[in-house]
């Protein structure tokens, strides 16, 4: 597994913390200027590797909100990936 992929809640937090550190501490942005997309993976593929992706995404968002106060989060990619492989008529 590539370290770049944010499959677990903890990895999502680690990536968000790195982004926060660079943006806020190195470049002077405010936490509320940041929008973190906690990236989820498609659930409907049937691949067991991704069966907990929605849970991990929601937990990752909770951790980001807790550990990086003021930072905003997005569910845009989460919604797209959750429904991407659903059969027609289910979405």
PDB file of N, CA and C in Angstrom:
ATOM      1  N   UNK A   1       0.844  -1.182   0.000  1.00  0.00           N
ATOM      2  CA  UNK A   1       0.000   0.000   0.000  1.00  0.00           C
ATOM      3  C   UNK A   1       0.889   1.246   0.000  1.00  0.00           C
ATOM      4  N   UNK A   2       0.584   2.153  -0.852  1.00  0.00           N
ATOM      5  CA  UNK A   2       1.323   3.404  -0.913  1.00  0.00           C
ATOM      6  C   UNK A   2       1.012   4.246   0.324  1.00  0.00           C
ATOM      7  N   UNK A   3       2.033   4.896   0.864  1.00  0.00           N
ATOM      8  CA  UNK A   3       1.822   5.774   2.028  1.00  0.00           C
ATOM      9  C   UNK A   3       0.933   6.955   1.673  1.00  0.00           C
ATOM     10  N   UNK A   4       0.817   7.260   0.383  1.00  0.00           N
ATOM     11  CA  UNK A   4       0.014   8.409  -0.031  1.00  0.00           C
ATOM     12  C   UNK A   4      -1.476   8.169   0.201  1.00  0.00           C
ATOM     13  N   UNK A   5      -1.921   6.916   0.169  1.00  0.00           N
ATOM     14  CA  UNK A   5      -3.341   6.628   0.334  1.00  0.00           C
ATOM     15  C   UNK A   5      -3.767   6.791   1.775  1.00  0.00           C
ATOM     16  N   UNK A   6      -4.893   7.441   1.959  1.00  0.00           N
ATOM     17  CA  UNK A   6      -5.437   7.697   3.291  1.00  0.00           C
ATOM     18  C   UNK A   6      -6.546   6.691   3.587  1.00  0.00           C
ATOM     19  N   UNK A   7      -6.190   5.459   3.845  1.00  0.00           N
ATOM     20  CA  UNK A   7      -7.204   4.427   4.044  1.00  0.00           C
ATOM     21  C   UNK A   7      -7.729   4.370   5.465  1.00  0.00           C
ATOM     22  N   UNK A   8      -6.916   4.726   6.446  1.00  0.00           N
ATOM     23  CA  UNK A   8      -7.353   4.655   7.834  1.00  0.00           C
ATOM     24  C   UNK A   8      -7.599   6.049   8.390  1.00  0.00           C
ATOM     25  N   UNK A   9      -8.398   6.111   9.441  1.00  0.00           N
ATOM     26  CA  UNK A   9      -8.668   7.392  10.098  1.00  0.00           C
ATOM     27  C   UNK A   9      -7.372   8.034  10.581  1.00  0.00           C
ATOM     28  N   UNK A  10      -6.484   7.230  11.113  1.00  0.00           N
ATOM     29  CA  UNK A  10      -5.219   7.752  11.624  1.00  0.00           C
ATOM     30  C   UNK A  10      -4.368   8.334  10.500  1.00  0.00           C
ATOM     31  N   UNK A  11      -4.360   7.675   9.351  1.00  0.00           N
ATOM     32  CA  UNK A  11      -3.589   8.187   8.208  1.00  0.00           C
ATOM     33  C   UNK A  11      -4.201   9.477   7.676  1.00  0.00           C
ATOM     34  N   UNK A  12      -5.527   9.553   7.673  1.00  0.00           N
ATOM     35  CA  UNK A  12      -6.205  10.776   7.252  1.00  0.00           C
ATOM     36  C   UNK A  12      -5.797  11.937   8.160  1.00  0.00           C
ATOM     37  N   UNK A  13      -5.739  11.679   9.470  1.00  0.00           N
ATOM     38  CA  UNK A  13      -5.319  12.701  10.420  1.00  0.00           C
ATOM     39  C   UNK A  13      -3.861  13.091  10.192  1.00  0.00           C
ATOM     40  N   UNK A  14      -2.993  12.119   9.979  1.00  0.00           N
ATOM     41  CA  UNK A  14      -1.568  12.397   9.759  1.00  0.00           C
ATOM     42  C   UNK A  14      -1.369  13.310   8.549  1.00  0.00           C
ATOM     43  N   UNK A  15      -2.063  13.016   7.456  1.00  0.00           N
ATOM     44  CA  UNK A  15      -1.950  13.838   6.253  1.00  0.00           C
ATOM     45  C   UNK A  15      -2.500  15.237   6.521  1.00  0.00           C
ATOM     46  N   UNK A  16      -3.630  15.331   7.216  1.00  0.00           N
ATOM     47  CA  UNK A  16      -4.220  16.635   7.538  1.00  0.00           C
ATOM     48  C   UNK A  16      -3.298  17.446   8.450  1.00  0.00           C
ATOM     49  N   UNK A  17      -2.650  16.781   9.409  1.00  0.00           N
ATOM     50  CA  UNK A  17      -1.720  17.481  10.303  1.00  0.00           C
ATOM     51  C   UNK A  17      -0.533  18.042   9.529  1.00  0.00           C
ATOM     52  N   UNK A  18      -0.045  17.284   8.568  1.00  0.00           N
ATOM     53  CA  UNK A  18       1.077  17.764   7.750  1.00  0.00           C
ATOM     54  C   UNK A  18       0.653  18.977   6.933  1.00  0.00           C
ATOM     55  N   UNK A  19      -0.526  18.884   6.309  1.00  0.00           N
ATOM     56  CA  UNK A  19      -1.069  20.012   5.553  1.00  0.00           C
ATOM     57  C   UNK A  19      -1.221  21.236   6.455  1.00  0.00           C
ATOM     58  N   UNK A  20      -1.801  21.024   7.634  1.00  0.00           N
ATOM     59  CA  UNK A  20      -2.018  22.100   8.600  1.00  0.00           C
ATOM     60  C   UNK A  20      -0.693  22.751   8.975  1.00  0.00           C
ATOM     61  N   UNK A  21       0.306  21.947   9.291  1.00  0.00           N
ATOM     62  CA  UNK A  21       1.605  22.467   9.706  1.00  0.00           C
ATOM     63  C   UNK A  21       2.230  23.341   8.622  1.00  0.00           C
ATOM     64  N   UNK A  22       2.200  22.873   7.396  1.00  0.00           N
ATOM     65  CA  UNK A  22       2.785  23.636   6.296  1.00  0.00           C
ATOM     66  C   UNK A  22       1.991  24.917   6.044  1.00  0.00           C
ATOM     67  N   UNK A  23       0.672  24.791   5.964  1.00  0.00           N
ATOM     68  CA  UNK A  23      -0.166  25.948   5.622  1.00  0.00           C
ATOM     69  C   UNK A  23      -0.197  27.001   6.733  1.00  0.00           C
ATOM     70  N   UNK A  24      -0.364  26.544   7.969  1.00  0.00           N
ATOM     71  CA  UNK A  24      -0.520  27.477   9.094  1.00  0.00           C
ATOM     72  C   UNK A  24       0.829  27.948   9.626  1.00  0.00           C
ATOM     73  N   UNK A  25       1.716  27.017   9.910  1.00  0.00           N
ATOM     74  CA  UNK A  25       2.983  27.383  10.551  1.00  0.00           C
ATOM     75  C   UNK A  25       4.026  27.925   9.583  1.00  0.00           C
ATOM     76  N   UNK A  26       4.063  27.391   8.367  1.00  0.00           N
ATOM     77  CA  UNK A  26       5.068  27.854   7.402  1.00  0.00           C
ATOM     78  C   UNK A  26       4.588  29.026   6.553  1.00  0.00           C
ATOM     79  N   UNK A  27       3.286  29.076   6.274  1.00  0.00           N
ATOM     80  CA  UNK A  27       2.781  30.082   5.334  1.00  0.00           C
ATOM     81  C   UNK A  27       1.789  31.067   5.945  1.00  0.00           C
ATOM     82  N   UNK A  28       1.472  30.922   7.215  1.00  0.00           N
ATOM     83  CA  UNK A  28       0.651  31.911   7.904  1.00  0.00           C
ATOM     84  C   UNK A  28      -0.835  31.902   7.617  1.00  0.00           C
ATOM     85  N   UNK A  29      -1.337  30.839   7.005  1.00  0.00           N
ATOM     86  CA  UNK A  29      -2.786  30.755   6.808  1.00  0.00           C
ATOM     87  C   UNK A  29      -3.469  30.496   8.147  1.00  0.00           C
ATOM     88  N   UNK A  30      -4.734  30.836   8.219  1.00  0.00           N
ATOM     89  CA  UNK A  30      -5.529  30.542   9.413  1.00  0.00           C
ATOM     90  C   UNK A  30      -6.136  29.153   9.278  1.00  0.00           C
ATOM     91  N   UNK A  31      -6.339  28.448  10.388  1.00  0.00           N
ATOM     92  CA  UNK A  31      -6.960  27.114  10.295  1.00  0.00           C
ATOM     93  C   UNK A  31      -8.287  27.135   9.535  1.00  0.00           C
ATOM     94  N   UNK A  32      -9.081  28.178   9.725  1.00  0.00           N
ATOM     95  CA  UNK A  32     -10.380  28.241   9.045  1.00  0.00           C
ATOM     96  C   UNK A  32     -10.251  28.518   7.545  1.00  0.00           C
ATOM     97  N   UNK A  33      -9.028  28.786   7.071  1.00  0.00           N
ATOM     98  CA  UNK A  33      -8.784  28.926   5.634  1.00  0.00           C
ATOM     99  C   UNK A  33      -8.589  27.572   4.957  1.00  0.00           C
ATOM    100  N   UNK A  34      -8.439  26.515   5.740  1.00  0.00           N
ATOM    101  CA  UNK A  34      -8.153  25.185   5.199  1.00  0.00           C
ATOM    102  C   UNK A  34      -9.424  24.355   5.082  1.00  0.00           C
ATOM    103  N   UNK A  35      -9.543  23.645   3.982  1.00  0.00           N
ATOM    104  CA  UNK A  35     -10.616  22.668   3.797  1.00  0.00           C
ATOM    105  C   UNK A  35      -9.937  21.344   3.476  1.00  0.00           C
ATOM    106  N   UNK A  36     -10.063  20.383   4.365  1.00  0.00           N
ATOM    107  CA  UNK A  36      -9.437  19.073   4.199  1.00  0.00           C
ATOM    108  C   UNK A  36     -10.472  18.101   3.653  1.00  0.00           C
ATOM    109  N   UNK A  37     -10.137  17.471   2.536  1.00  0.00           N
ATOM    110  CA  UNK A  37     -10.977  16.416   1.972  1.00  0.00           C
ATOM    111  C   UNK A  37     -10.427  15.099   2.489  1.00  0.00           C
ATOM    112  N   UNK A  38     -11.182  14.436   3.332  1.00  0.00           N
ATOM    113  CA  UNK A  38     -10.699  13.224   4.005  1.00  0.00           C
ATOM    114  C   UNK A  38     -10.758  11.974   3.131  1.00  0.00           C
ATOM    115  N   UNK A  39     -11.012  12.102   1.865  1.00  0.00           N
ATOM    116  CA  UNK A  39     -10.969  11.030   0.876  1.00  0.00           C
ATOM    117  C   UNK A  39     -11.480   9.687   1.383  1.00  0.00           C
ATOM    118  N   UNK A  40     -12.472   9.192   0.727  1.00  0.00           N
ATOM    119  CA  UNK A  40     -12.934   7.837   1.002  1.00  0.00           C
ATOM    120  C   UNK A  40     -12.752   6.993  -0.251  1.00  0.00           C
ATOM    121  N   UNK A  41     -12.923   5.718  -0.111  1.00  0.00           N
ATOM    122  CA  UNK A  41     -12.787   4.800  -1.232  1.00  0.00           C
ATOM    123  C   UNK A  41     -14.143   4.180  -1.541  1.00  0.00           C
ATOM    124  N   UNK A  42     -14.324   3.768  -2.774  1.00  0.00           N
ATOM    125  CA  UNK A  42     -15.597   3.216  -3.216  1.00  0.00           C
ATOM    126  C   UNK A  42     -15.962   1.966  -2.421  1.00  0.00           C
ATOM    127  N   UNK A  43     -17.169   1.962  -1.882  1.00  0.00           N
ATOM    128  CA  UNK A  43     -17.642   0.835  -1.081  1.00  0.00           C
ATOM    129  C   UNK A  43     -18.220  -0.294  -1.920  1.00  0.00           C
ATOM    130  N   UNK A  44     -18.867   0.042  -2.991  1.00  0.00           N
ATOM    131  CA  UNK A  44     -19.674  -0.922  -3.727  1.00  0.00           C
ATOM    132  C   UNK A  44     -18.880  -1.829  -4.657  1.00  0.00           C
ATOM    133  N   UNK A  45     -17.572  -1.776  -4.616  1.00  0.00           N
ATOM    134  CA  UNK A  45     -16.776  -2.651  -5.482  1.00  0.00           C
ATOM    135  C   UNK A  45     -16.830  -4.096  -5.016  1.00  0.00           C
ATOM    136  N   UNK A  46     -17.142  -4.298  -3.746  1.00  0.00           N
ATOM    137  CA  UNK A  46     -17.125  -5.637  -3.186  1.00  0.00           C
ATOM    138  C   UNK A  46     -15.748  -6.050  -2.702  1.00  0.00           C
ATOM    139  N   UNK A  47     -14.773  -5.201  -2.903  1.00  0.00           N
ATOM    140  CA  UNK A  47     -13.404  -5.489  -2.460  1.00  0.00           C
ATOM    141  C   UNK A  47     -13.336  -5.354  -0.937  1.00  0.00           C
ATOM    142  N   UNK A  48     -13.008  -6.441  -0.221  1.00  0.00           N
ATOM    143  CA  UNK A  48     -12.958  -6.390   1.244  1.00  0.00           C
ATOM    144  C   UNK A  48     -11.972  -5.343   1.783  1.00  0.00           C
ATOM    145  N   UNK A  49     -10.973  -5.014   0.984  1.00  0.00           N
ATOM    146  CA  UNK A  49      -9.989  -4.014   1.408  1.00  0.00           C
ATOM    147  C   UNK A  49     -10.651  -2.664   1.701  1.00  0.00           C
ATOM    148  N   UNK A  50     -11.770  -2.384   1.037  1.00  0.00           N
ATOM    149  CA  UNK A  50     -12.433  -1.090   1.191  1.00  0.00           C
ATOM    150  C   UNK A  50     -13.727  -1.157   1.992  1.00  0.00           C
ATOM    151  N   UNK A  51     -14.019  -2.285   2.606  1.00  0.00           N
ATOM    152  CA  UNK A  51     -15.304  -2.453   3.287  1.00  0.00           C
ATOM    153  C   UNK A  51     -15.503  -1.496   4.459  1.00  0.00           C
ATOM    154  N   UNK A  52     -14.444  -1.032   5.071  1.00  0.00           N
ATOM    155  CA  UNK A  52     -14.568  -0.100   6.197  1.00  0.00           C
ATOM    156  C   UNK A  52     -14.289   1.347   5.803  1.00  0.00           C
ATOM    157  N   UNK A  53     -14.245   1.638   4.499  1.00  0.00           N
ATOM    158  CA  UNK A  53     -13.811   2.970   4.077  1.00  0.00           C
ATOM    159  C   UNK A  53     -14.734   4.088   4.544  1.00  0.00           C
ATOM    160  N   UNK A  54     -16.037   3.870   4.553  1.00  0.00           N
ATOM    161  CA  UNK A  54     -16.946   4.924   5.017  1.00  0.00           C
ATOM    162  C   UNK A  54     -16.731   5.188   6.508  1.00  0.00           C
ATOM    163  N   UNK A  55     -16.615   4.112   7.276  1.00  0.00           N
ATOM    164  CA  UNK A  55     -16.372   4.251   8.721  1.00  0.00           C
ATOM    165  C   UNK A  55     -15.044   4.972   8.977  1.00  0.00           C
ATOM    166  N   UNK A  56     -14.007   4.591   8.256  1.00  0.00           N
ATOM    167  CA  UNK A  56     -12.693   5.222   8.427  1.00  0.00           C
ATOM    168  C   UNK A  56     -12.734   6.699   8.037  1.00  0.00           C
ATOM    169  N   UNK A  57     -13.499   7.025   6.992  1.00  0.00           N
ATOM    170  CA  UNK A  57     -13.620   8.423   6.576  1.00  0.00           C
ATOM    171  C   UNK A  57     -14.317   9.247   7.649  1.00  0.00           C
ATOM    172  N   UNK A  58     -15.429   8.753   8.167  1.00  0.00           N
ATOM    173  CA  UNK A  58     -16.153   9.496   9.202  1.00  0.00           C
ATOM    174  C   UNK A  58     -15.322   9.641  10.469  1.00  0.00           C
ATOM    175  N   UNK A  59     -14.603   8.594  10.846  1.00  0.00           N
ATOM    176  CA  UNK A  59     -13.725   8.674  12.014  1.00  0.00           C
ATOM    177  C   UNK A  59     -12.565   9.630  11.743  1.00  0.00           C
ATOM    178  N   UNK A  60     -12.038   9.616  10.525  1.00  0.00           N
ATOM    179  CA  UNK A  60     -10.975  10.539  10.159  1.00  0.00           C
ATOM    180  C   UNK A  60     -11.426  11.985  10.264  1.00  0.00           C
ATOM    181  N   UNK A  61     -12.635  12.269   9.812  1.00  0.00           N
ATOM    182  CA  UNK A  61     -13.184  13.622   9.918  1.00  0.00           C
ATOM    183  C   UNK A  61     -13.327  14.015  11.380  1.00  0.00           C
ATOM    184  N   UNK A  62     -13.805  13.083  12.204  1.00  0.00           N
ATOM    185  CA  UNK A  62     -13.939  13.373  13.637  1.00  0.00           C
ATOM    186  C   UNK A  62     -12.579  13.707  14.249  1.00  0.00           C
ATOM    187  N   UNK A  63     -11.560  12.922  13.905  1.00  0.00           N
ATOM    188  CA  UNK A  63     -10.217  13.167  14.438  1.00  0.00           C
ATOM    189  C   UNK A  63      -9.655  14.505  13.958  1.00  0.00           C
ATOM    190  N   UNK A  64      -9.853  14.823  12.690  1.00  0.00           N
ATOM    191  CA  UNK A  64      -9.371  16.086  12.143  1.00  0.00           C
ATOM    192  C   UNK A  64     -10.033  17.255  12.870  1.00  0.00           C
ATOM    193  N   UNK A  65     -11.339  17.183  13.070  1.00  0.00           N
ATOM    194  CA  UNK A  65     -12.064  18.250  13.779  1.00  0.00           C
ATOM    195  C   UNK A  65     -11.563  18.393  15.217  1.00  0.00           C
ATOM    196  N   UNK A  66     -11.268  17.270  15.854  1.00  0.00           N
ATOM    197  CA  UNK A  66     -10.813  17.288  17.246  1.00  0.00           C
ATOM    198  C   UNK A  66      -9.384  17.820  17.368  1.00  0.00           C
ATOM    199  N   UNK A  67      -8.492  17.340  16.532  1.00  0.00           N
ATOM    200  CA  UNK A  67      -7.073  17.655  16.657  1.00  0.00           C
ATOM    201  C   UNK A  67      -6.661  18.958  15.973  1.00  0.00           C
ATOM    202  N   UNK A  68      -7.434  19.394  14.987  1.00  0.00           N
ATOM    203  CA  UNK A  68      -7.101  20.615  14.244  1.00  0.00           C
ATOM    204  C   UNK A  68      -8.287  21.577  14.274  1.00  0.00           C
ATOM    205  N   UNK A  69      -8.587  22.138  15.456  1.00  0.00           N
ATOM    206  CA  UNK A  69      -9.757  23.009  15.601  1.00  0.00           C
ATOM    207  C   UNK A  69      -9.755  24.149  14.586  1.00  0.00           C
ATOM    208  N   UNK A  70     -10.915  24.410  14.050  1.00  0.00           N
ATOM    209  CA  UNK A  70     -11.074  25.487  13.083  1.00  0.00           C
ATOM    210  C   UNK A  70     -10.934  25.031  11.647  1.00  0.00           C
ATOM    211  N   UNK A  71     -10.248  23.913  11.430  1.00  0.00           N
ATOM    212  CA  UNK A  71     -10.062  23.401  10.081  1.00  0.00           C
ATOM    213  C   UNK A  71     -11.374  22.832   9.569  1.00  0.00           C
ATOM    214  N   UNK A  72     -11.731  23.184   8.354  1.00  0.00           N
ATOM    215  CA  UNK A  72     -12.956  22.685   7.745  1.00  0.00           C
ATOM    216  C   UNK A  72     -12.692  21.346   7.055  1.00  0.00           C
ATOM    217  N   UNK A  73     -13.734  20.561   6.872  1.00  0.00           N
ATOM    218  CA  UNK A  73     -13.614  19.296   6.156  1.00  0.00           C
ATOM    219  C   UNK A  73     -14.647  19.254   5.045  1.00  0.00           C
ATOM    220  N   UNK A  74     -14.422  18.374   4.084  1.00  0.00           N
ATOM    221  CA  UNK A  74     -15.310  18.238   2.938  1.00  0.00           C
ATOM    222  C   UNK A  74     -15.686  16.776   2.754  1.00  0.00           C
ATOM    223  N   UNK A  75     -16.912  16.563   2.321  1.00  0.00           N
ATOM    224  CA  UNK A  75     -17.354  15.200   1.995  1.00  0.00           C
ATOM    225  C   UNK A  75     -17.609  15.027   0.505  1.00  0.00           C
ATOM    226  N   UNK A  76     -17.136  15.973  -0.304  1.00  0.00           N
ATOM    227  CA  UNK A  76     -17.416  15.913  -1.735  1.00  0.00           C
ATOM    228  C   UNK A  76     -16.911  14.615  -2.349  1.00  0.00           C
ATOM    229  N   UNK A  77     -15.644  14.300  -2.175  1.00  0.00           N
ATOM    230  CA  UNK A  77     -15.137  13.060  -2.780  1.00  0.00           C
ATOM    231  C   UNK A  77     -15.763  11.846  -2.113  1.00  0.00           C
ATOM    232  N   UNK A  78     -16.090  11.957  -0.836  1.00  0.00           N
ATOM    233  CA  UNK A  78     -16.712  10.833  -0.141  1.00  0.00           C
ATOM    234  C   UNK A  78     -18.036  10.465  -0.787  1.00  0.00           C
ATOM    235  N   UNK A  79     -18.862  11.449  -1.056  1.00  0.00           N
ATOM    236  CA  UNK A  79     -20.170  11.176  -1.665  1.00  0.00           C
ATOM    237  C   UNK A  79     -19.994  10.582  -3.049  1.00  0.00           C
ATOM    238  N   UNK A  80     -19.102  11.151  -3.841  1.00  0.00           N
ATOM    239  CA  UNK A  80     -18.859  10.634  -5.191  1.00  0.00           C
ATOM    240  C   UNK A  80     -18.386   9.193  -5.132  1.00  0.00           C
ATOM    241  N   UNK A  81     -17.433   8.893  -4.265  1.00  0.00           N
ATOM    242  CA  UNK A  81     -16.881   7.540  -4.204  1.00  0.00           C
ATOM    243  C   UNK A  81     -17.844   6.542  -3.570  1.00  0.00           C
ATOM    244  N   UNK A  82     -18.693   6.994  -2.677  1.00  0.00           N
ATOM    245  CA  UNK A  82     -19.652   6.075  -2.066  1.00  0.00           C
ATOM    246  C   UNK A  82     -20.666   5.574  -3.074  1.00  0.00           C
ATOM    247  N   UNK A  83     -21.073   6.419  -4.018  1.00  0.00           N
ATOM    248  CA  UNK A  83     -22.116   6.026  -4.957  1.00  0.00           C
ATOM    249  C   UNK A  83     -21.585   5.620  -6.328  1.00  0.00           C
ATOM    250  N   UNK A  84     -20.304   5.822  -6.587  1.00  0.00           N
ATOM    251  CA  UNK A  84     -19.745   5.637  -7.919  1.00  0.00           C
ATOM    252  C   UNK A  84     -20.053   4.265  -8.507  1.00  0.00           C
ATOM    253  N   UNK A  85     -19.925   3.220  -7.739  1.00  0.00           N
ATOM    254  CA  UNK A  85     -20.107   1.867  -8.264  1.00  0.00           C
ATOM    255  C   UNK A  85     -21.437   1.226  -7.892  1.00  0.00           C
ATOM    256  N   UNK A  86     -22.364   2.008  -7.350  1.00  0.00           N
ATOM    257  CA  UNK A  86     -23.676   1.435  -7.048  1.00  0.00           C
ATOM    258  C   UNK A  86     -24.434   1.156  -8.342  1.00  0.00           C
ATOM    259  N   UNK A  87     -25.213   0.079  -8.352  1.00  0.00           N
ATOM    260  CA  UNK A  87     -26.012  -0.216  -9.544  1.00  0.00           C
ATOM    261  C   UNK A  87     -27.018   0.895  -9.808  1.00  0.00           C
ATOM    262  N   UNK A  88     -27.357   1.122 -11.074  1.00  0.00           N
ATOM    263  CA  UNK A  88     -28.367   2.146 -11.400  1.00  0.00           C
ATOM    264  C   UNK A  88     -29.652   1.904 -10.621  1.00  0.00           C
ATOM    265  N   UNK A  89     -30.277   2.967 -10.206  1.00  0.00           N
ATOM    266  CA  UNK A  89     -31.510   2.875  -9.439  1.00  0.00           C
ATOM    267  C   UNK A  89     -31.310   2.945  -7.939  1.00  0.00           C
ATOM    268  N   UNK A  90     -30.091   2.714  -7.467  1.00  0.00           N
ATOM    269  CA  UNK A  90     -29.827   2.807  -6.029  1.00  0.00           C
ATOM    270  C   UNK A  90     -29.368   4.190  -5.616  1.00  0.00           C
ATOM    271  N   UNK A  91     -29.128   5.051  -6.587  1.00  0.00           N
ATOM    272  CA  UNK A  91     -28.717   6.406  -6.256  1.00  0.00           C
ATOM    273  C   UNK A  91     -29.499   7.347  -7.037  1.00  0.00           C
TER     274      UNK A  91
END
